[in-house]
Every structure is written in C-alpha cells, then in structure tokens.
Protein backbone atom coordinates (compact mmCIF):
# COMPACT_ATOMS: atom_id res chain seq x y z
CA UNK A 1 -33.82 -32.76 -20.45
CA UNK A 2 -30.19 -31.30 -18.39
CA UNK A 3 -29.45 -27.86 -18.97
CA UNK A 4 -25.10 -27.66 -19.68
CA UNK A 5 -23.74 -25.23 -19.00
CA UNK A 6 -21.23 -23.61 -21.37
CA UNK A 7 -17.23 -23.82 -19.82
CA UNK A 8 -16.82 -19.79 -18.62
CA UNK A 9 -13.66 -18.42 -20.39
CA UNK A 10 -11.29 -17.29 -18.20
CA UNK A 11 -8.52 -14.24 -19.27
CA UNK A 12 -5.87 -14.55 -16.69
CA UNK A 13 -3.17 -11.25 -16.19
CA UNK A 14 -0.25 -11.00 -15.41
CA UNK A 15 1.34 -7.84 -13.40
CA UNK A 16 3.61 -5.39 -14.42
CA UNK A 17 5.90 -3.07 -12.59
CA UNK A 18 5.25 0.60 -13.20
CA UNK A 19 7.51 2.30 -14.91
CA UNK A 20 8.14 4.77 -12.58
CA UNK A 21 12.05 6.40 -11.91
CA UNK A 22 14.51 5.64 -9.34
CA UNK A 23 13.67 8.95 -6.57
CA UNK A 24 9.72 9.02 -7.55
CA UNK A 25 8.15 10.60 -4.20
CA UNK A 26 4.83 8.41 -4.01
CA UNK A 27 2.22 10.15 -2.05
CA UNK A 28 -0.83 7.95 -1.07
CA UNK A 29 -4.29 9.66 0.93
CA UNK A 30 -6.04 6.86 1.99
CA UNK A 31 -9.19 6.62 4.70
CA UNK A 32 -8.62 5.22 8.03
CA UNK A 33 -12.37 4.24 9.34
CA UNK A 34 -14.69 6.94 8.28
CA UNK A 35 -12.79 9.53 10.97
CA UNK A 36 -9.46 9.26 9.76
CA UNK A 37 -8.02 10.33 6.44
CA UNK A 38 -3.93 9.43 6.61
CA UNK A 39 -1.60 10.45 3.16
CA UNK A 40 1.22 8.68 3.77
CA UNK A 41 4.76 10.27 1.04
CA UNK A 42 7.43 7.80 0.31
CA UNK A 43 11.04 8.85 -0.85
CA UNK A 44 11.23 6.45 -3.36
CA UNK A 45 15.67 7.85 -3.90
CA UNK A 46 16.34 6.92 -0.04
CA UNK A 47 15.63 4.04 0.06
CA UNK A 48 18.21 1.48 -0.03
CA UNK A 49 17.00 -1.99 -1.45
CA UNK A 50 16.49 -4.85 0.78
CA UNK A 51 16.57 -2.74 4.51
CA UNK A 52 13.87 -3.08 6.52
CA UNK A 53 12.36 0.33 6.50
CA UNK A 54 10.12 1.45 10.19
CA UNK A 55 6.27 2.93 8.85
CA UNK A 56 5.99 6.44 9.26
CA UNK A 57 3.29 8.54 10.81
CA UNK A 58 1.74 10.31 7.84
CA UNK A 59 -0.14 13.40 8.26
CA UNK A 60 -3.55 12.90 9.81
CA UNK A 61 -7.11 14.32 9.22
CA UNK A 62 -8.44 15.94 11.52
CA UNK A 63 -5.81 15.26 13.49
CA UNK A 64 -3.69 12.42 14.64
CA UNK A 65 -5.73 10.11 16.67
CA UNK A 66 -4.39 8.57 20.49
CA UNK A 67 -5.46 5.40 19.36
CA UNK A 68 -7.41 3.60 16.75
CA UNK A 69 -10.16 0.51 16.85
CA UNK A 70 -9.13 -2.56 15.49
CA UNK A 71 -10.97 -1.56 12.04
CA UNK A 72 -8.93 1.69 11.26
CA UNK A 73 -6.17 -0.08 12.25
CA UNK A 74 -6.59 -2.79 9.62
CA UNK A 75 -7.91 0.04 7.17
CA UNK A 76 -4.17 1.98 7.68
CA UNK A 77 -2.13 -1.28 7.90
CA UNK A 78 -3.59 -1.48 4.30
CA UNK A 79 -3.10 2.01 3.19
CA UNK A 80 0.52 2.11 4.73
CA UNK A 81 1.22 -1.60 2.38
CA UNK A 82 -0.22 -1.16 -0.38
CA UNK A 83 2.11 2.55 -0.73
CA UNK A 84 5.03 0.12 0.09
CA UNK A 85 3.92 -2.26 -1.64
CA UNK A 86 4.48 0.15 -4.70
CA UNK A 87 7.89 1.93 -3.33
CA UNK A 88 9.10 -1.78 -3.17
CA UNK A 89 7.99 -2.32 -6.85
CA UNK A 90 9.54 1.00 -8.29
CA UNK A 91 13.39 0.18 -6.90
CA UNK A 92 12.63 -3.33 -7.92
CA UNK A 93 13.67 -5.06 -5.02
CA UNK A 94 12.50 -6.31 -1.68
CA UNK A 95 11.02 -4.72 1.62
CA UNK A 96 10.09 -5.17 4.93
CA UNK A 97 8.01 -3.23 7.17
CA UNK A 98 8.55 -3.68 11.15
CA UNK A 99 6.11 -2.56 12.87
CA UNK A 100 7.07 -1.22 16.90
C-alpha cells in the first residue's frame, strides 16, 4: 500500500518596512571573512531619495585591509548592501550603490 503524503501547510509573510524616523542613524557591524570586522554608519537624514551614493569604507577591526580575497569581498558587499537596503526602507526611497 502506497503512503499518502499530506499537503504541507505553507504560510507566507509579507515584508514590513521598519518604522524608523527619517533622521535615524543606522550602525551595523559585520564579519568580513575570519580576519576582519567592519562597522558602517549611515545617516538617513543626509540621504536624498533616488540618489546614487558611494559606499563609505567604514571602521575596520583590527585594521583596514589593503586587499580582500573573493570570499571576504563577498562578505563585505553583503553587509554593505544590507545596511543600505535598511536605509532605503527607512527613507522610503530607492538607493543605488556605485562601486568605484
């Protein structure tokens, strides 16, 4: 006798934008590979909706690296993109990040 599998119950959640003030300063610290940690700050009050911004280098621990390998660069970009995405949600506008 073949076993019947019951249909799975699936729940969907809509993303909810955070309710932060326009003048919020977002601070995020994230790991970059095994060797480094980077802290970035974004002052949402100084961002213009629809603007292109250059990523700030941030504060690095234990020191700012001269070069990152591919994995570390991917970690840094993911952390940078996450903080800028939160900033875009905070000001309610699209932001573009330009890599130099």
